[in-house]
């Protein structure tokens, strides 16, 4: 099931957008949504994100990084989740926001933990 709710943009100092979650995509495995009506939307990954956390994150911002020490190469507002592997994992669906490119919120963040590719900020 894909969740949708009104998009709420969260800002920090100035015009910089802040991230709510960072996803490490070492191979840049994001893909643009194939439906022309969803231009600017991306789908990424196979992430372990609980149902409760998915609801909290909807409308928040996601950034994609290549490592725990690199800035975001892509980011946007989360517009939905597509369950995979019988609902145990999910794709994150987001609408691109170019102001999140270069975001550094996740660099060195303690939320990465050891061996994790998901960081809650």
PDB file of N, CA and C in Angstrom:
ATOM      1  N   UNK A   1       0.845  -1.166   0.000  1.00  0.00           N
ATOM      2  CA  UNK A   1       0.000   0.000   0.000  1.00  0.00           C
ATOM      3  C   UNK A   1       0.893   1.234   0.000  1.00  0.00           C
ATOM      4  N   UNK A   2       0.581   2.191  -0.832  1.00  0.00           N
ATOM      5  CA  UNK A   2       1.306   3.443  -0.870  1.00  0.00           C
ATOM      6  C   UNK A   2       0.510   4.470  -0.089  1.00  0.00           C
ATOM      7  N   UNK A   3       1.184   5.150   0.826  1.00  0.00           N
ATOM      8  CA  UNK A   3       0.533   6.172   1.625  1.00  0.00           C
ATOM      9  C   UNK A   3       0.707   7.517   0.941  1.00  0.00           C
ATOM     10  N   UNK A   4      -0.283   8.342   0.982  1.00  0.00           N
ATOM     11  CA  UNK A   4      -0.180   9.702   0.465  1.00  0.00           C
ATOM     12  C   UNK A   4      -0.859  10.645   1.428  1.00  0.00           C
ATOM     13  N   UNK A   5      -0.265  11.789   1.649  1.00  0.00           N
ATOM     14  CA  UNK A   5      -0.868  12.843   2.447  1.00  0.00           C
ATOM     15  C   UNK A   5      -0.313  14.155   1.924  1.00  0.00           C
ATOM     16  N   UNK A   6      -0.870  15.292   2.312  1.00  0.00           N
ATOM     17  CA  UNK A   6      -0.356  16.560   1.823  1.00  0.00           C
ATOM     18  C   UNK A   6       1.129  16.707   2.131  1.00  0.00           C
ATOM     19  N   UNK A   7       1.853  17.306   1.207  1.00  0.00           N
ATOM     20  CA  UNK A   7       3.283  17.494   1.372  1.00  0.00           C
ATOM     21  C   UNK A   7       3.529  18.674   2.294  1.00  0.00           C
ATOM     22  N   UNK A   8       4.377  18.437   3.288  1.00  0.00           N
ATOM     23  CA  UNK A   8       4.743  19.481   4.233  1.00  0.00           C
ATOM     24  C   UNK A   8       6.237  19.696   4.078  1.00  0.00           C
ATOM     25  N   UNK A   9       6.639  20.875   3.642  1.00  0.00           N
ATOM     26  CA  UNK A   9       8.057  21.172   3.521  1.00  0.00           C
ATOM     27  C   UNK A   9       8.569  21.685   4.855  1.00  0.00           C
ATOM     28  N   UNK A  10       9.649  21.078   5.330  1.00  0.00           N
ATOM     29  CA  UNK A  10      10.240  21.465   6.595  1.00  0.00           C
ATOM     30  C   UNK A  10      11.531  22.207   6.294  1.00  0.00           C
ATOM     31  N   UNK A  11      11.737  23.344   6.889  1.00  0.00           N
ATOM     32  CA  UNK A  11      12.937  24.106   6.618  1.00  0.00           C
ATOM     33  C   UNK A  11      13.721  24.335   7.897  1.00  0.00           C
ATOM     34  N   UNK A  12      14.996  24.615   7.693  1.00  0.00           N
ATOM     35  CA  UNK A  12      15.844  24.991   8.809  1.00  0.00           C
ATOM     36  C   UNK A  12      16.320  26.411   8.545  1.00  0.00           C
ATOM     37  N   UNK A  13      17.501  26.741   8.985  1.00  0.00           N
ATOM     38  CA  UNK A  13      18.034  28.087   8.817  1.00  0.00           C
ATOM     39  C   UNK A  13      17.998  28.506   7.351  1.00  0.00           C
ATOM     40  N   UNK A  14      17.569  29.725   7.099  1.00  0.00           N
ATOM     41  CA  UNK A  14      17.540  30.241   5.737  1.00  0.00           C
ATOM     42  C   UNK A  14      16.625  29.440   4.847  1.00  0.00           C
ATOM     43  N   UNK A  15      17.077  29.204   3.627  1.00  0.00           N
ATOM     44  CA  UNK A  15      16.272  28.473   2.659  1.00  0.00           C
ATOM     45  C   UNK A  15      16.685  27.006   2.549  1.00  0.00           C
ATOM     46  N   UNK A  16      17.633  26.560   3.358  1.00  0.00           N
ATOM     47  CA  UNK A  16      18.106  25.184   3.265  1.00  0.00           C
ATOM     48  C   UNK A  16      17.048  24.222   3.785  1.00  0.00           C
ATOM     49  N   UNK A  17      16.841  23.147   3.051  1.00  0.00           N
ATOM     50  CA  UNK A  17      15.906  22.120   3.477  1.00  0.00           C
ATOM     51  C   UNK A  17      16.665  21.130   4.360  1.00  0.00           C
ATOM     52  N   UNK A  18      15.995  20.618   5.371  1.00  0.00           N
ATOM     53  CA  UNK A  18      16.614  19.612   6.222  1.00  0.00           C
ATOM     54  C   UNK A  18      16.063  18.242   5.863  1.00  0.00           C
ATOM     55  N   UNK A  19      16.847  17.222   6.167  1.00  0.00           N
ATOM     56  CA  UNK A  19      16.467  15.851   5.850  1.00  0.00           C
ATOM     57  C   UNK A  19      15.907  15.164   7.087  1.00  0.00           C
ATOM     58  N   UNK A  20      14.962  14.249   6.876  1.00  0.00           N
ATOM     59  CA  UNK A  20      14.411  13.430   7.956  1.00  0.00           C
ATOM     60  C   UNK A  20      15.009  12.025   7.942  1.00  0.00           C
ATOM     61  N   UNK A  21      15.443  11.603   6.747  1.00  0.00           N
ATOM     62  CA  UNK A  21      16.035  10.277   6.591  1.00  0.00           C
ATOM     63  C   UNK A  21      17.069  10.337   5.470  1.00  0.00           C
ATOM     64  N   UNK A  22      18.159   9.609   5.672  1.00  0.00           N
ATOM     65  CA  UNK A  22      19.176   9.474   4.637  1.00  0.00           C
ATOM     66  C   UNK A  22      19.273   7.996   4.272  1.00  0.00           C
ATOM     67  N   UNK A  23      19.411   7.728   2.981  1.00  0.00           N
ATOM     68  CA  UNK A  23      19.543   6.362   2.486  1.00  0.00           C
ATOM     69  C   UNK A  23      20.860   6.259   1.729  1.00  0.00           C
ATOM     70  N   UNK A  24      21.672   5.275   2.084  1.00  0.00           N
ATOM     71  CA  UNK A  24      22.953   5.090   1.425  1.00  0.00           C
ATOM     72  C   UNK A  24      22.763   4.232   0.181  1.00  0.00           C
ATOM     73  N   UNK A  25      23.052   4.823  -0.947  1.00  0.00           N
ATOM     74  CA  UNK A  25      22.899   4.147  -2.246  1.00  0.00           C
ATOM     75  C   UNK A  25      24.257   4.131  -2.923  1.00  0.00           C
ATOM     76  N   UNK A  26      25.083   3.164  -2.570  1.00  0.00           N
ATOM     77  CA  UNK A  26      26.451   3.099  -3.086  1.00  0.00           C
ATOM     78  C   UNK A  26      26.503   2.973  -4.601  1.00  0.00           C
ATOM     79  N   UNK A  27      25.480   2.366  -5.175  1.00  0.00           N
ATOM     80  CA  UNK A  27      25.474   2.146  -6.620  1.00  0.00           C
ATOM     81  C   UNK A  27      24.524   3.089  -7.350  1.00  0.00           C
ATOM     82  N   UNK A  28      24.063   4.132  -6.665  1.00  0.00           N
ATOM     83  CA  UNK A  28      23.113   5.080  -7.263  1.00  0.00           C
ATOM     84  C   UNK A  28      21.950   4.330  -7.912  1.00  0.00           C
ATOM     85  N   UNK A  29      21.305   3.463  -7.134  1.00  0.00           N
ATOM     86  CA  UNK A  29      20.249   2.601  -7.666  1.00  0.00           C
ATOM     87  C   UNK A  29      18.867   3.247  -7.687  1.00  0.00           C
ATOM     88  N   UNK A  30      18.831   4.571  -7.610  1.00  0.00           N
ATOM     89  CA  UNK A  30      17.545   5.262  -7.710  1.00  0.00           C
ATOM     90  C   UNK A  30      17.075   5.204  -9.160  1.00  0.00           C
ATOM     91  N   UNK A  31      15.770   5.232  -9.338  1.00  0.00           N
ATOM     92  CA  UNK A  31      15.232   5.232 -10.698  1.00  0.00           C
ATOM     93  C   UNK A  31      14.058   6.186 -10.767  1.00  0.00           C
ATOM     94  N   UNK A  32      13.990   6.885 -11.880  1.00  0.00           N
ATOM     95  CA  UNK A  32      12.896   7.829 -12.057  1.00  0.00           C
ATOM     96  C   UNK A  32      11.616   7.056 -12.294  1.00  0.00           C
ATOM     97  N   UNK A  33      10.518   7.565 -11.712  1.00  0.00           N
ATOM     98  CA  UNK A  33       9.218   6.921 -11.876  1.00  0.00           C
ATOM     99  C   UNK A  33       8.884   6.874 -13.363  1.00  0.00           C
ATOM    100  N   UNK A  34       8.540   5.705 -13.889  1.00  0.00           N
ATOM    101  CA  UNK A  34       8.320   5.568 -15.331  1.00  0.00           C
ATOM    102  C   UNK A  34       7.039   6.228 -15.854  1.00  0.00           C
ATOM    103  N   UNK A  35       6.104   6.555 -14.986  1.00  0.00           N
ATOM    104  CA  UNK A  35       4.857   7.147 -15.445  1.00  0.00           C
ATOM    105  C   UNK A  35       5.062   8.625 -15.728  1.00  0.00           C
ATOM    106  N   UNK A  36       4.712   9.063 -16.934  1.00  0.00           N
ATOM    107  CA  UNK A  36       4.934  10.450 -17.332  1.00  0.00           C
ATOM    108  C   UNK A  36       4.171  11.435 -16.451  1.00  0.00           C
ATOM    109  N   UNK A  37       3.069  10.991 -15.852  1.00  0.00           N
ATOM    110  CA  UNK A  37       2.294  11.873 -14.977  1.00  0.00           C
ATOM    111  C   UNK A  37       3.015  12.138 -13.661  1.00  0.00           C
ATOM    112  N   UNK A  38       4.027  11.341 -13.357  1.00  0.00           N
ATOM    113  CA  UNK A  38       4.783  11.479 -12.111  1.00  0.00           C
ATOM    114  C   UNK A  38       6.189  12.005 -12.376  1.00  0.00           C
ATOM    115  N   UNK A  39       6.307  12.913 -13.328  1.00  0.00           N
ATOM    116  CA  UNK A  39       7.614  13.462 -13.677  1.00  0.00           C
ATOM    117  C   UNK A  39       8.244  14.108 -12.446  1.00  0.00           C
ATOM    118  N   UNK A  40       9.519  13.847 -12.242  1.00  0.00           N
ATOM    119  CA  UNK A  40      10.217  14.383 -11.086  1.00  0.00           C
ATOM    120  C   UNK A  40      10.125  13.493  -9.863  1.00  0.00           C
ATOM    121  N   UNK A  41       9.439  12.341  -9.993  1.00  0.00           N
ATOM    122  CA  UNK A  41       9.357  11.389  -8.879  1.00  0.00           C
ATOM    123  C   UNK A  41      10.369  10.270  -9.085  1.00  0.00           C
ATOM    124  N   UNK A  42      10.939   9.835  -7.975  1.00  0.00           N
ATOM    125  CA  UNK A  42      11.915   8.754  -7.990  1.00  0.00           C
ATOM    126  C   UNK A  42      11.478   7.657  -7.036  1.00  0.00           C
ATOM    127  N   UNK A  43      11.957   6.444  -7.320  1.00  0.00           N
ATOM    128  CA  UNK A  43      11.772   5.274  -6.452  1.00  0.00           C
ATOM    129  C   UNK A  43      13.163   4.760  -6.139  1.00  0.00           C
ATOM    130  N   UNK A  44      13.350   4.365  -4.907  1.00  0.00           N
ATOM    131  CA  UNK A  44      14.669   3.867  -4.556  1.00  0.00           C
ATOM    132  C   UNK A  44      14.566   2.753  -3.531  1.00  0.00           C
ATOM    133  N   UNK A  45      15.359   1.728  -3.777  1.00  0.00           N
ATOM    134  CA  UNK A  45      15.686   0.728  -2.803  1.00  0.00           C
ATOM    135  C   UNK A  45      14.708  -0.327  -2.391  1.00  0.00           C
ATOM    136  N   UNK A  46      15.177  -1.002  -1.407  1.00  0.00           N
ATOM    137  CA  UNK A  46      14.514  -2.108  -0.749  1.00  0.00           C
ATOM    138  C   UNK A  46      14.900  -1.976   0.720  1.00  0.00           C
ATOM    139  N   UNK A  47      14.248  -1.065   1.416  1.00  0.00           N
ATOM    140  CA  UNK A  47      14.670  -0.654   2.747  1.00  0.00           C
ATOM    141  C   UNK A  47      13.801  -1.270   3.842  1.00  0.00           C
ATOM    142  N   UNK A  48      14.407  -1.544   4.982  1.00  0.00           N
ATOM    143  CA  UNK A  48      13.665  -1.989   6.160  1.00  0.00           C
ATOM    144  C   UNK A  48      13.256  -0.726   6.920  1.00  0.00           C
ATOM    145  N   UNK A  49      11.989  -0.343   6.774  1.00  0.00           N
ATOM    146  CA  UNK A  49      11.420   0.816   7.467  1.00  0.00           C
ATOM    147  C   UNK A  49      10.070   0.359   8.006  1.00  0.00           C
ATOM    148  N   UNK A  50       9.877   0.460   9.282  1.00  0.00           N
ATOM    149  CA  UNK A  50       8.636  -0.035   9.895  1.00  0.00           C
ATOM    150  C   UNK A  50       7.428   0.757   9.394  1.00  0.00           C
ATOM    151  N   UNK A  51       6.257   0.146   9.520  1.00  0.00           N
ATOM    152  CA  UNK A  51       4.998   0.811   9.136  1.00  0.00           C
ATOM    153  C   UNK A  51       4.832   2.126   9.909  1.00  0.00           C
ATOM    154  N   UNK A  52       5.123   2.104  11.193  1.00  0.00           N
ATOM    155  CA  UNK A  52       4.992   3.300  12.021  1.00  0.00           C
ATOM    156  C   UNK A  52       5.914   4.395  11.519  1.00  0.00           C
ATOM    157  N   UNK A  53       7.161   4.050  11.232  1.00  0.00           N
ATOM    158  CA  UNK A  53       8.142   5.022  10.758  1.00  0.00           C
ATOM    159  C   UNK A  53       7.745   5.551   9.387  1.00  0.00           C
ATOM    160  N   UNK A  54       7.199   4.695   8.527  1.00  0.00           N
ATOM    161  CA  UNK A  54       6.755   5.142   7.197  1.00  0.00           C
ATOM    162  C   UNK A  54       5.719   6.247   7.331  1.00  0.00           C
ATOM    163  N   UNK A  55       4.774   6.058   8.248  1.00  0.00           N
ATOM    164  CA  UNK A  55       3.727   7.071   8.450  1.00  0.00           C
ATOM    165  C   UNK A  55       4.328   8.375   8.954  1.00  0.00           C
ATOM    166  N   UNK A  56       5.308   8.284   9.840  1.00  0.00           N
ATOM    167  CA  UNK A  56       5.972   9.478  10.366  1.00  0.00           C
ATOM    168  C   UNK A  56       6.745  10.220   9.285  1.00  0.00           C
ATOM    169  N   UNK A  57       7.373   9.474   8.380  1.00  0.00           N
ATOM    170  CA  UNK A  57       8.236  10.069   7.368  1.00  0.00           C
ATOM    171  C   UNK A  57       7.486  10.661   6.178  1.00  0.00           C
ATOM    172  N   UNK A  58       6.271  10.223   5.947  1.00  0.00           N
ATOM    173  CA  UNK A  58       5.505  10.691   4.803  1.00  0.00           C
ATOM    174  C   UNK A  58       5.373  12.212   4.837  1.00  0.00           C
ATOM    175  N   UNK A  59       5.747  12.858   3.752  1.00  0.00           N
ATOM    176  CA  UNK A  59       5.725  14.310   3.675  1.00  0.00           C
ATOM    177  C   UNK A  59       7.029  14.945   4.129  1.00  0.00           C
ATOM    178  N   UNK A  60       7.916  14.135   4.706  1.00  0.00           N
ATOM    179  CA  UNK A  60       9.234  14.623   5.128  1.00  0.00           C
ATOM    180  C   UNK A  60      10.225  14.534   3.978  1.00  0.00           C
ATOM    181  N   UNK A  61      11.472  14.818   4.272  1.00  0.00           N
ATOM    182  CA  UNK A  61      12.508  14.834   3.239  1.00  0.00           C
ATOM    183  C   UNK A  61      13.460  13.663   3.362  1.00  0.00           C
ATOM    184  N   UNK A  62      13.835  13.119   2.207  1.00  0.00           N
ATOM    185  CA  UNK A  62      14.808  12.043   2.112  1.00  0.00           C
ATOM    186  C   UNK A  62      15.996  12.555   1.301  1.00  0.00           C
ATOM    187  N   UNK A  63      17.200  12.119   1.694  1.00  0.00           N
ATOM    188  CA  UNK A  63      18.387  12.386   0.893  1.00  0.00           C
ATOM    189  C   UNK A  63      19.081  11.060   0.604  1.00  0.00           C
ATOM    190  N   UNK A  64      19.696  10.978  -0.573  1.00  0.00           N
ATOM    191  CA  UNK A  64      20.453   9.797  -0.975  1.00  0.00           C
ATOM    192  C   UNK A  64      21.928  10.152  -0.962  1.00  0.00           C
ATOM    193  N   UNK A  65      22.727   9.291  -0.344  1.00  0.00           N
ATOM    194  CA  UNK A  65      24.168   9.502  -0.270  1.00  0.00           C
ATOM    195  C   UNK A  65      24.873   8.247  -0.773  1.00  0.00           C
ATOM    196  N   UNK A  66      26.153   8.395  -1.108  1.00  0.00           N
ATOM    197  CA  UNK A  66      26.942   7.230  -1.519  1.00  0.00           C
ATOM    198  C   UNK A  66      27.651   6.589  -0.332  1.00  0.00           C
ATOM    199  N   UNK A  67      27.782   7.339   0.767  1.00  0.00           N
ATOM    200  CA  UNK A  67      28.409   6.807   1.977  1.00  0.00           C
ATOM    201  C   UNK A  67      27.968   7.652   3.170  1.00  0.00           C
ATOM    202  N   UNK A  68      28.418   7.258   4.347  1.00  0.00           N
ATOM    203  CA  UNK A  68      28.081   7.996   5.567  1.00  0.00           C
ATOM    204  C   UNK A  68      28.840   9.313   5.670  1.00  0.00           C
ATOM    205  N   UNK A  69      29.803   9.505   4.775  1.00  0.00           N
ATOM    206  CA  UNK A  69      30.649  10.699   4.852  1.00  0.00           C
ATOM    207  C   UNK A  69      30.544  11.595   3.623  1.00  0.00           C
ATOM    208  N   UNK A  70      29.575  11.340   2.758  1.00  0.00           N
ATOM    209  CA  UNK A  70      29.428  12.176   1.562  1.00  0.00           C
ATOM    210  C   UNK A  70      28.100  12.913   1.579  1.00  0.00           C
ATOM    211  N   UNK A  71      28.072  14.095   0.960  1.00  0.00           N
ATOM    212  CA  UNK A  71      26.815  14.856   0.900  1.00  0.00           C
ATOM    213  C   UNK A  71      25.806  14.173  -0.027  1.00  0.00           C
ATOM    214  N   UNK A  72      24.577  14.605   0.065  1.00  0.00           N
ATOM    215  CA  UNK A  72      23.499  14.036  -0.753  1.00  0.00           C
ATOM    216  C   UNK A  72      23.719  14.324  -2.232  1.00  0.00           C
ATOM    217  N   UNK A  73      23.487  13.317  -3.075  1.00  0.00           N
ATOM    218  CA  UNK A  73      23.541  13.532  -4.516  1.00  0.00           C
ATOM    219  C   UNK A  73      22.140  13.699  -5.103  1.00  0.00           C
ATOM    220  N   UNK A  74      21.114  13.399  -4.297  1.00  0.00           N
ATOM    221  CA  UNK A  74      19.731  13.526  -4.737  1.00  0.00           C
ATOM    222  C   UNK A  74      18.861  13.573  -3.489  1.00  0.00           C
ATOM    223  N   UNK A  75      17.720  14.212  -3.580  1.00  0.00           N
ATOM    224  CA  UNK A  75      16.819  14.262  -2.437  1.00  0.00           C
ATOM    225  C   UNK A  75      15.460  14.791  -2.845  1.00  0.00           C
ATOM    226  N   UNK A  76      14.509  14.692  -1.923  1.00  0.00           N
ATOM    227  CA  UNK A  76      13.178  15.186  -2.221  1.00  0.00           C
ATOM    228  C   UNK A  76      12.198  14.921  -1.093  1.00  0.00           C
ATOM    229  N   UNK A  77      10.952  15.222  -1.379  1.00  0.00           N
ATOM    230  CA  UNK A  77       9.866  15.063  -0.421  1.00  0.00           C
ATOM    231  C   UNK A  77       9.234  13.686  -0.606  1.00  0.00           C
ATOM    232  N   UNK A  78       9.119  12.946   0.468  1.00  0.00           N
ATOM    233  CA  UNK A  78       8.556  11.591   0.417  1.00  0.00           C
ATOM    234  C   UNK A  78       7.059  11.677   0.151  1.00  0.00           C
ATOM    235  N   UNK A  79       6.620  11.019  -0.923  1.00  0.00           N
ATOM    236  CA  UNK A  79       5.201  11.029  -1.288  1.00  0.00           C
ATOM    237  C   UNK A  79       4.552   9.657  -1.134  1.00  0.00           C
ATOM    238  N   UNK A  80       5.356   8.631  -0.855  1.00  0.00           N
ATOM    239  CA  UNK A  80       4.770   7.314  -0.666  1.00  0.00           C
ATOM    240  C   UNK A  80       5.812   6.234  -0.444  1.00  0.00           C
ATOM    241  N   UNK A  81       5.313   5.044  -0.172  1.00  0.00           N
ATOM    242  CA  UNK A  81       6.139   3.860   0.027  1.00  0.00           C
ATOM    243  C   UNK A  81       5.488   2.717  -0.725  1.00  0.00           C
ATOM    244  N   UNK A  82       6.294   1.895  -1.360  1.00  0.00           N
ATOM    245  CA  UNK A  82       5.797   0.737  -2.081  1.00  0.00           C
ATOM    246  C   UNK A  82       6.357  -0.514  -1.401  1.00  0.00           C
ATOM    247  N   UNK A  83       5.528  -1.263  -0.664  1.00  0.00           N
ATOM    248  CA  UNK A  83       6.016  -2.452   0.037  1.00  0.00           C
ATOM    249  C   UNK A  83       6.608  -3.485  -0.917  1.00  0.00           C
ATOM    250  N   UNK A  84       7.684  -4.117  -0.483  1.00  0.00           N
ATOM    251  CA  UNK A  84       8.328  -5.201  -1.232  1.00  0.00           C
ATOM    252  C   UNK A  84       8.546  -6.356  -0.268  1.00  0.00           C
ATOM    253  N   UNK A  85       8.900  -7.493  -0.788  1.00  0.00           N
ATOM    254  CA  UNK A  85       9.186  -8.681   0.018  1.00  0.00           C
ATOM    255  C   UNK A  85       8.102  -8.915   1.069  1.00  0.00           C
ATOM    256  N   UNK A  86       6.861  -9.000   0.606  1.00  0.00           N
ATOM    257  CA  UNK A  86       5.698  -9.241   1.476  1.00  0.00           C
ATOM    258  C   UNK A  86       5.550  -8.196   2.578  1.00  0.00           C
ATOM    259  N   UNK A  87       5.932  -6.957   2.260  1.00  0.00           N
ATOM    260  CA  UNK A  87       5.756  -5.869   3.212  1.00  0.00           C
ATOM    261  C   UNK A  87       6.873  -5.704   4.220  1.00  0.00           C
ATOM    262  N   UNK A  88       7.862  -6.590   4.201  1.00  0.00           N
ATOM    263  CA  UNK A  88       8.965  -6.497   5.158  1.00  0.00           C
ATOM    264  C   UNK A  88       9.901  -5.338   4.831  1.00  0.00           C
ATOM    265  N   UNK A  89       9.976  -5.000   3.559  1.00  0.00           N
ATOM    266  CA  UNK A  89      10.815  -3.894   3.098  1.00  0.00           C
ATOM    267  C   UNK A  89       9.958  -2.989   2.224  1.00  0.00           C
ATOM    268  N   UNK A  90      10.553  -1.872   1.774  1.00  0.00           N
ATOM    269  CA  UNK A  90       9.786  -0.978   0.912  1.00  0.00           C
ATOM    270  C   UNK A  90      10.696  -0.136   0.033  1.00  0.00           C
ATOM    271  N   UNK A  91      10.115   0.300  -1.076  1.00  0.00           N
ATOM    272  CA  UNK A  91      10.732   1.338  -1.892  1.00  0.00           C
ATOM    273  C   UNK A  91      10.263   2.666  -1.321  1.00  0.00           C
ATOM    274  N   UNK A  92      11.122   3.659  -1.358  1.00  0.00           N
ATOM    275  CA  UNK A  92      10.746   5.010  -0.962  1.00  0.00           C
ATOM    276  C   UNK A  92      10.481   5.792  -2.244  1.00  0.00           C
ATOM    277  N   UNK A  93       9.322   6.431  -2.310  1.00  0.00           N
ATOM    278  CA  UNK A  93       8.949   7.215  -3.483  1.00  0.00           C
ATOM    279  C   UNK A  93       8.997   8.677  -3.074  1.00  0.00           C
ATOM    280  N   UNK A  94       9.738   9.486  -3.840  1.00  0.00           N
ATOM    281  CA  UNK A  94       9.864  10.890  -3.474  1.00  0.00           C
ATOM    282  C   UNK A  94       9.858  11.787  -4.704  1.00  0.00           C
ATOM    283  N   UNK A  95       9.433  13.020  -4.476  1.00  0.00           N
ATOM    284  CA  UNK A  95       9.431  14.055  -5.510  1.00  0.00           C
ATOM    285  C   UNK A  95      10.709  14.854  -5.352  1.00  0.00           C
ATOM    286  N   UNK A  96      11.505  14.921  -6.401  1.00  0.00           N
ATOM    287  CA  UNK A  96      12.811  15.573  -6.347  1.00  0.00           C
ATOM    288  C   UNK A  96      12.723  17.031  -5.895  1.00  0.00           C
ATOM    289  N   UNK A  97      13.675  17.402  -5.049  1.00  0.00           N
ATOM    290  CA  UNK A  97      13.842  18.784  -4.610  1.00  0.00           C
ATOM    291  C   UNK A  97      15.329  19.091  -4.729  1.00  0.00           C
ATOM    292  N   UNK A  98      15.695  19.869  -5.736  1.00  0.00           N
ATOM    293  CA  UNK A  98      17.103  20.143  -6.029  1.00  0.00           C
ATOM    294  C   UNK A  98      17.822  20.870  -4.889  1.00  0.00           C
ATOM    295  N   UNK A  99      17.073  21.513  -3.985  1.00  0.00           N
ATOM    296  CA  UNK A  99      17.727  22.207  -2.871  1.00  0.00           C
ATOM    297  C   UNK A  99      18.350  21.225  -1.878  1.00  0.00           C
ATOM    298  N   UNK A 100      17.994  19.941  -1.973  1.00  0.00           N
ATOM    299  CA  UNK A 100      18.562  18.937  -1.069  1.00  0.00           C
ATOM    300  C   UNK A 100      19.870  18.343  -1.593  1.00  0.00           C
ATOM    301  N   UNK A 101      20.208  18.617  -2.857  1.00  0.00           N
ATOM    302  CA  UNK A 101      21.485  18.139  -3.399  1.00  0.00           C
ATOM    303  C   UNK A 101      22.602  18.855  -2.643  1.00  0.00           C
ATOM    304  N   UNK A 102      23.548  18.087  -2.144  1.00  0.00           N
ATOM    305  CA  UNK A 102      24.640  18.644  -1.358  1.00  0.00           C
ATOM    306  C   UNK A 102      24.337  18.722   0.134  1.00  0.00           C
ATOM    307  N   UNK A 103      23.150  18.320   0.555  1.00  0.00           N
ATOM    308  CA  UNK A 103      22.771  18.343   1.963  1.00  0.00           C
ATOM    309  C   UNK A 103      23.768  17.507   2.771  1.00  0.00           C
ATOM    310  N   UNK A 104      24.149  18.014   3.928  1.00  0.00           N
ATOM    311  CA  UNK A 104      25.144  17.339   4.760  1.00  0.00           C
ATOM    312  C   UNK A 104      24.594  16.879   6.113  1.00  0.00           C
ATOM    313  N   UNK A 105      23.289  16.899   6.293  1.00  0.00           N
ATOM    314  CA  UNK A 105      22.688  16.527   7.581  1.00  0.00           C
ATOM    315  C   UNK A 105      23.124  15.147   8.082  1.00  0.00           C
ATOM    316  N   UNK A 106      23.367  14.212   7.185  1.00  0.00           N
ATOM    317  CA  UNK A 106      23.663  12.834   7.597  1.00  0.00           C
ATOM    318  C   UNK A 106      25.149  12.551   7.774  1.00  0.00           C
ATOM    319  N   UNK A 107      26.018  13.464   7.348  1.00  0.00           N
ATOM    320  CA  UNK A 107      27.454  13.213   7.461  1.00  0.00           C
ATOM    321  C   UNK A 107      27.839  13.116   8.930  1.00  0.00           C
ATOM    322  N   UNK A 108      28.406  11.967   9.295  1.00  0.00           N
ATOM    323  CA  UNK A 108      28.844  11.741  10.668  1.00  0.00           C
ATOM    324  C   UNK A 108      27.716  11.617  11.680  1.00  0.00           C
ATOM    325  N   UNK A 109      26.487  11.475  11.234  1.00  0.00           N
ATOM    326  CA  UNK A 109      25.339  11.396  12.148  1.00  0.00           C
ATOM    327  C   UNK A 109      25.359  10.062  12.902  1.00  0.00           C
ATOM    328  N   UNK A 110      25.066  10.112  14.193  1.00  0.00           N
ATOM    329  CA  UNK A 110      25.080   8.887  15.015  1.00  0.00           C
ATOM    330  C   UNK A 110      23.967   7.918  14.627  1.00  0.00           C
ATOM    331  N   UNK A 111      22.966   8.394  13.904  1.00  0.00           N
ATOM    332  CA  UNK A 111      21.857   7.538  13.485  1.00  0.00           C
ATOM    333  C   UNK A 111      22.220   6.455  12.479  1.00  0.00           C
ATOM    334  N   UNK A 112      23.408   6.546  11.873  1.00  0.00           N
ATOM    335  CA  UNK A 112      23.812   5.510  10.920  1.00  0.00           C
ATOM    336  C   UNK A 112      24.016   4.167  11.607  1.00  0.00           C
ATOM    337  N   UNK A 113      24.566   4.153  12.775  1.00  0.00           N
ATOM    338  CA  UNK A 113      24.865   2.886  13.435  1.00  0.00           C
ATOM    339  C   UNK A 113      25.937   2.136  12.667  1.00  0.00           C
ATOM    340  N   UNK A 114      26.110   0.872  13.007  1.00  0.00           N
ATOM    341  CA  UNK A 114      27.119   0.045  12.364  1.00  0.00           C
ATOM    342  C   UNK A 114      26.482  -0.813  11.289  1.00  0.00           C
ATOM    343  N   UNK A 115      27.013  -0.736  10.090  1.00  0.00           N
ATOM    344  CA  UNK A 115      26.537  -1.569   8.995  1.00  0.00           C
ATOM    345  C   UNK A 115      25.152  -1.245   8.493  1.00  0.00           C
ATOM    346  N   UNK A 116      24.666  -0.038   8.759  1.00  0.00           N
ATOM    347  CA  UNK A 116      23.306   0.349   8.347  1.00  0.00           C
ATOM    348  C   UNK A 116      23.352   1.241   7.120  1.00  0.00           C
ATOM    349  N   UNK A 117      22.342   1.133   6.294  1.00  0.00           N
ATOM    350  CA  UNK A 117      22.231   1.964   5.113  1.00  0.00           C
ATOM    351  C   UNK A 117      21.084   2.976   5.245  1.00  0.00           C
ATOM    352  N   UNK A 118      20.449   2.996   6.404  1.00  0.00           N
ATOM    353  CA  UNK A 118      19.351   3.922   6.683  1.00  0.00           C
ATOM    354  C   UNK A 118      19.721   4.745   7.911  1.00  0.00           C
ATOM    355  N   UNK A 119      19.570   6.063   7.818  1.00  0.00           N
ATOM    356  CA  UNK A 119      19.877   6.938   8.938  1.00  0.00           C
ATOM    357  C   UNK A 119      18.695   7.858   9.189  1.00  0.00           C
ATOM    358  N   UNK A 120      18.097   7.742  10.369  1.00  0.00           N
ATOM    359  CA  UNK A 120      17.008   8.637  10.762  1.00  0.00           C
ATOM    360  C   UNK A 120      17.640   9.872  11.390  1.00  0.00           C
ATOM    361  N   UNK A 121      17.319  11.023  10.849  1.00  0.00           N
ATOM    362  CA  UNK A 121      17.955  12.266  11.276  1.00  0.00           C
ATOM    363  C   UNK A 121      17.011  13.051  12.176  1.00  0.00           C
TER     364      UNK A 121
END
